[in-house]
Amino acid sequence: MIHKTIKNLTIKFCYQNKQINIDIFNFLCFIKNIVKIISKIENKKGEFQ
């Protein structure tokens, strides 16, 4: 029974790690998109001037 509990904890922990990795990945994609948008805005400002 103790062994089973440890196994379940390990699976949960692995899943949480995956969740964290996914969150970090999404966050990086989000930052990348913001940088793209900012650079587009900067380019347009340059065109207007």
PDB file of N, CA and C in Angstrom:
ATOM      1  N   MET A   1       0.829  -1.201   0.000  1.00  0.00           N
ATOM      2  CA  MET A   1       0.000   0.000   0.000  1.00  0.00           C
ATOM      3  C   MET A   1       0.869   1.260   0.000  1.00  0.00           C
ATOM      4  N   ILE A   2       1.900   1.291   0.825  1.00  0.00           N
ATOM      5  CA  ILE A   2       2.794   2.455   0.856  1.00  0.00           C
ATOM      6  C   ILE A   2       3.441   2.616  -0.515  1.00  0.00           C
ATOM      7  N   HIS A   3       3.843   1.511  -1.101  1.00  0.00           N
ATOM      8  CA  HIS A   3       4.495   1.557  -2.416  1.00  0.00           C
ATOM      9  C   HIS A   3       3.557   2.194  -3.446  1.00  0.00           C
ATOM     10  N   LYS A   4       2.280   1.806  -3.397  1.00  0.00           N
ATOM     11  CA  LYS A   4       1.295   2.339  -4.339  1.00  0.00           C
ATOM     12  C   LYS A   4       1.166   3.851  -4.152  1.00  0.00           C
ATOM     13  N   THR A   5       1.116   4.299  -2.908  1.00  0.00           N
ATOM     14  CA  THR A   5       0.988   5.734  -2.621  1.00  0.00           C
ATOM     15  C   THR A   5       2.177   6.485  -3.191  1.00  0.00           C
ATOM     16  N   ILE A   6       3.373   5.961  -2.987  1.00  0.00           N
ATOM     17  CA  ILE A   6       4.583   6.614  -3.500  1.00  0.00           C
ATOM     18  C   ILE A   6       4.499   6.709  -5.019  1.00  0.00           C
ATOM     19  N   LYS A   7       4.050   5.632  -5.653  1.00  0.00           N
ATOM     20  CA  LYS A   7       3.932   5.627  -7.111  1.00  0.00           C
ATOM     21  C   LYS A   7       2.964   6.720  -7.563  1.00  0.00           C
ATOM     22  N   ASN A   8       1.819   6.826  -6.885  1.00  0.00           N
ATOM     23  CA  ASN A   8       0.830   7.848  -7.238  1.00  0.00           C
ATOM     24  C   ASN A   8       1.411   9.243  -7.051  1.00  0.00           C
ATOM     25  N   LEU A   9       2.148   9.453  -5.977  1.00  0.00           N
ATOM     26  CA  LEU A   9       2.763  10.754  -5.725  1.00  0.00           C
ATOM     27  C   LEU A   9       3.732  11.093  -6.844  1.00  0.00           C
ATOM     28  N   THR A  10       4.511  10.099  -7.257  1.00  0.00           N
ATOM     29  CA  THR A  10       5.494  10.326  -8.323  1.00  0.00           C
ATOM     30  C   THR A  10       4.786  10.747  -9.605  1.00  0.00           C
ATOM     31  N   ILE A  11       3.699  10.063  -9.939  1.00  0.00           N
ATOM     32  CA  ILE A  11       2.955  10.383 -11.161  1.00  0.00           C
ATOM     33  C   ILE A  11       2.413  11.805 -11.063  1.00  0.00           C
ATOM     34  N   LYS A  12       1.839  12.150  -9.907  1.00  0.00           N
ATOM     35  CA  LYS A  12       1.310  13.495  -9.717  1.00  0.00           C
ATOM     36  C   LYS A  12       2.419  14.519  -9.873  1.00  0.00           C
ATOM     37  N   PHE A  13       3.555  14.245  -9.263  1.00  0.00           N
ATOM     38  CA  PHE A  13       4.677  15.186  -9.307  1.00  0.00           C
ATOM     39  C   PHE A  13       5.149  15.375 -10.741  1.00  0.00           C
ATOM     40  N   CYS A  14       5.261  14.284 -11.485  1.00  0.00           N
ATOM     41  CA  CYS A  14       5.680  14.357 -12.886  1.00  0.00           C
ATOM     42  C   CYS A  14       4.676  15.189 -13.662  1.00  0.00           C
ATOM     43  N   TYR A  15       3.405  14.971 -13.411  1.00  0.00           N
ATOM     44  CA  TYR A  15       2.367  15.714 -14.128  1.00  0.00           C
ATOM     45  C   TYR A  15       2.491  17.205 -13.815  1.00  0.00           C
ATOM     46  N   GLN A  16       2.705  17.536 -12.543  1.00  0.00           N
ATOM     47  CA  GLN A  16       2.838  18.942 -12.165  1.00  0.00           C
ATOM     48  C   GLN A  16       4.049  19.553 -12.844  1.00  0.00           C
ATOM     49  N   ASN A  17       5.136  18.806 -12.939  1.00  0.00           N
ATOM     50  CA  ASN A  17       6.325  19.315 -13.617  1.00  0.00           C
ATOM     51  C   ASN A  17       6.003  19.613 -15.071  1.00  0.00           C
ATOM     52  N   LYS A  18       5.284  18.710 -15.719  1.00  0.00           N
ATOM     53  CA  LYS A  18       4.894  18.924 -17.118  1.00  0.00           C
ATOM     54  C   LYS A  18       4.063  20.187 -17.218  1.00  0.00           C
ATOM     55  N   GLN A  19       3.124  20.345 -16.280  1.00  0.00           N
ATOM     56  CA  GLN A  19       2.254  21.515 -16.281  1.00  0.00           C
ATOM     57  C   GLN A  19       3.107  22.780 -16.193  1.00  0.00           C
ATOM     58  N   ILE A  20       4.087  22.774 -15.303  1.00  0.00           N
ATOM     59  CA  ILE A  20       4.967  23.933 -15.132  1.00  0.00           C
ATOM     60  C   ILE A  20       5.739  24.185 -16.423  1.00  0.00           C
ATOM     61  N   ASN A  21       6.257  23.115 -17.029  1.00  0.00           N
ATOM     62  CA  ASN A  21       7.006  23.269 -18.277  1.00  0.00           C
ATOM     63  C   ASN A  21       6.124  23.879 -19.357  1.00  0.00           C
ATOM     64  N   ILE A  22       4.881  23.422 -19.430  1.00  0.00           N
ATOM     65  CA  ILE A  22       3.952  23.948 -20.432  1.00  0.00           C
ATOM     66  C   ILE A  22       3.706  25.427 -20.161  1.00  0.00           C
ATOM     67  N   ASP A  23       3.516  25.786 -18.885  1.00  0.00           N
ATOM     68  CA  ASP A  23       3.284  27.187 -18.541  1.00  0.00           C
ATOM     69  C   ASP A  23       4.471  28.040 -18.958  1.00  0.00           C
ATOM     70  N   ILE A  24       5.683  27.574 -18.684  1.00  0.00           N
ATOM     71  CA  ILE A  24       6.885  28.328 -19.048  1.00  0.00           C
ATOM     72  C   ILE A  24       6.940  28.474 -20.562  1.00  0.00           C
ATOM     73  N   PHE A  25       6.638  27.404 -21.285  1.00  0.00           N
ATOM     74  CA  PHE A  25       6.666  27.429 -22.747  1.00  0.00           C
ATOM     75  C   PHE A  25       5.655  28.451 -23.270  1.00  0.00           C
ATOM     76  N   ASN A  26       4.431  28.413 -22.720  1.00  0.00           N
ATOM     77  CA  ASN A  26       3.399  29.371 -23.134  1.00  0.00           C
ATOM     78  C   ASN A  26       3.846  30.788 -22.837  1.00  0.00           C
ATOM     79  N   PHE A  27       4.466  30.977 -21.679  1.00  0.00           N
ATOM     80  CA  PHE A  27       4.928  32.307 -21.276  1.00  0.00           C
ATOM     81  C   PHE A  27       5.975  32.820 -22.256  1.00  0.00           C
ATOM     82  N   LEU A  28       6.910  31.951 -22.649  1.00  0.00           N
ATOM     83  CA  LEU A  28       7.951  32.355 -23.602  1.00  0.00           C
ATOM     84  C   LEU A  28       7.328  32.716 -24.940  1.00  0.00           C
ATOM     85  N   CYS A  29       6.359  31.934 -25.394  1.00  0.00           N
ATOM     86  CA  CYS A  29       5.672  32.236 -26.662  1.00  0.00           C
ATOM     87  C   CYS A  29       4.977  33.582 -26.550  1.00  0.00           C
ATOM     88  N   PHE A  30       4.363  33.824 -25.405  1.00  0.00           N
ATOM     89  CA  PHE A  30       3.649  35.078 -25.163  1.00  0.00           C
ATOM     90  C   PHE A  30       4.618  36.254 -25.263  1.00  0.00           C
ATOM     91  N   ILE A  31       5.774  36.139 -24.614  1.00  0.00           N
ATOM     92  CA  ILE A  31       6.784  37.206 -24.657  1.00  0.00           C
ATOM     93  C   ILE A  31       7.250  37.413 -26.092  1.00  0.00           C
ATOM     94  N   LYS A  32       7.482  36.318 -26.806  1.00  0.00           N
ATOM     95  CA  LYS A  32       7.946  36.412 -28.198  1.00  0.00           C
ATOM     96  C   LYS A  32       6.935  37.187 -29.038  1.00  0.00           C
ATOM     97  N   ASN A  33       5.642  36.901 -28.835  1.00  0.00           N
ATOM     98  CA  ASN A  33       4.594  37.599 -29.584  1.00  0.00           C
ATOM     99  C   ASN A  33       4.586  39.078 -29.244  1.00  0.00           C
ATOM    100  N   ILE A  34       4.740  39.414 -27.968  1.00  0.00           N
ATOM    101  CA  ILE A  34       4.759  40.824 -27.560  1.00  0.00           C
ATOM    102  C   ILE A  34       5.933  41.525 -28.226  1.00  0.00           C
ATOM    103  N   VAL A  35       7.087  40.883 -28.234  1.00  0.00           N
ATOM    104  CA  VAL A  35       8.271  41.486 -28.861  1.00  0.00           C
ATOM    105  C   VAL A  35       7.994  41.733 -30.343  1.00  0.00           C
ATOM    106  N   LYS A  36       7.360  40.758 -31.012  1.00  0.00           N
ATOM    107  CA  LYS A  36       7.020  40.919 -32.436  1.00  0.00           C
ATOM    108  C   LYS A  36       6.117  42.127 -32.626  1.00  0.00           C
ATOM    109  N   ILE A  37       5.074  42.218 -31.800  1.00  0.00           N
ATOM    110  CA  ILE A  37       4.110  43.324 -31.920  1.00  0.00           C
ATOM    111  C   ILE A  37       4.820  44.652 -31.695  1.00  0.00           C
ATOM    112  N   ILE A  38       5.659  44.722 -30.655  1.00  0.00           N
ATOM    113  CA  ILE A  38       6.377  45.971 -30.360  1.00  0.00           C
ATOM    114  C   ILE A  38       7.267  46.348 -31.536  1.00  0.00           C
ATOM    115  N   SER A  39       7.977  45.393 -32.103  1.00  0.00           N
ATOM    116  CA  SER A  39       8.878  45.718 -33.217  1.00  0.00           C
ATOM    117  C   SER A  39       8.067  46.184 -34.427  1.00  0.00           C
ATOM    118  N   LYS A  40       6.871  45.612 -34.638  1.00  0.00           N
ATOM    119  CA  LYS A  40       6.012  46.068 -35.743  1.00  0.00           C
ATOM    120  C   LYS A  40       5.606  47.514 -35.510  1.00  0.00           C
ATOM    121  N   ILE A  41       5.202  47.826 -34.278  1.00  0.00           N
ATOM    122  CA  ILE A  41       4.785  49.197 -33.946  1.00  0.00           C
ATOM    123  C   ILE A  41       5.960  50.144 -34.164  1.00  0.00           C
ATOM    124  N   GLU A  42       7.146  49.736 -33.727  1.00  0.00           N
ATOM    125  CA  GLU A  42       8.333  50.583 -33.895  1.00  0.00           C
ATOM    126  C   GLU A  42       8.581  50.834 -35.382  1.00  0.00           C
ATOM    127  N   ASN A  43       8.433  49.806 -36.212  1.00  0.00           N
ATOM    128  CA  ASN A  43       8.640  49.957 -37.657  1.00  0.00           C
ATOM    129  C   ASN A  43       7.644  50.949 -38.240  1.00  0.00           C
ATOM    130  N   LYS A  44       6.386  50.864 -37.808  1.00  0.00           N
ATOM    131  CA  LYS A  44       5.357  51.772 -38.325  1.00  0.00           C
ATOM    132  C   LYS A  44       5.666  53.200 -37.902  1.00  0.00           C
ATOM    133  N   LYS A  45       6.109  53.388 -36.662  1.00  0.00           N
ATOM    134  CA  LYS A  45       6.471  54.730 -36.196  1.00  0.00           C
ATOM    135  C   LYS A  45       7.552  55.295 -37.105  1.00  0.00           C
ATOM    136  N   GLY A  46       8.518  54.466 -37.445  1.00  0.00           N
ATOM    137  CA  GLY A  46       9.609  54.891 -38.317  1.00  0.00           C
ATOM    138  C   GLY A  46       9.082  55.321 -39.677  1.00  0.00           C
ATOM    139  N   GLU A  47       8.082  54.601 -40.192  1.00  0.00           N
ATOM    140  CA  GLU A  47       7.516  54.936 -41.504  1.00  0.00           C
ATOM    141  C   GLU A  47       6.796  56.281 -41.454  1.00  0.00           C
ATOM    142  N   PHE A  48       6.082  56.542 -40.363  1.00  0.00           N
ATOM    143  CA  PHE A  48       5.295  57.774 -40.271  1.00  0.00           C
ATOM    144  C   PHE A  48       6.188  59.000 -40.181  1.00  0.00           C
ATOM    145  N   GLN A  49       7.334  58.853 -39.542  1.00  0.00           N
ATOM    146  CA  GLN A  49       8.231  60.012 -39.385  1.00  0.00           C
ATOM    147  C   GLN A  49       9.011  60.281 -40.628  1.00  0.00           C
TER     148      GLN A  49
END
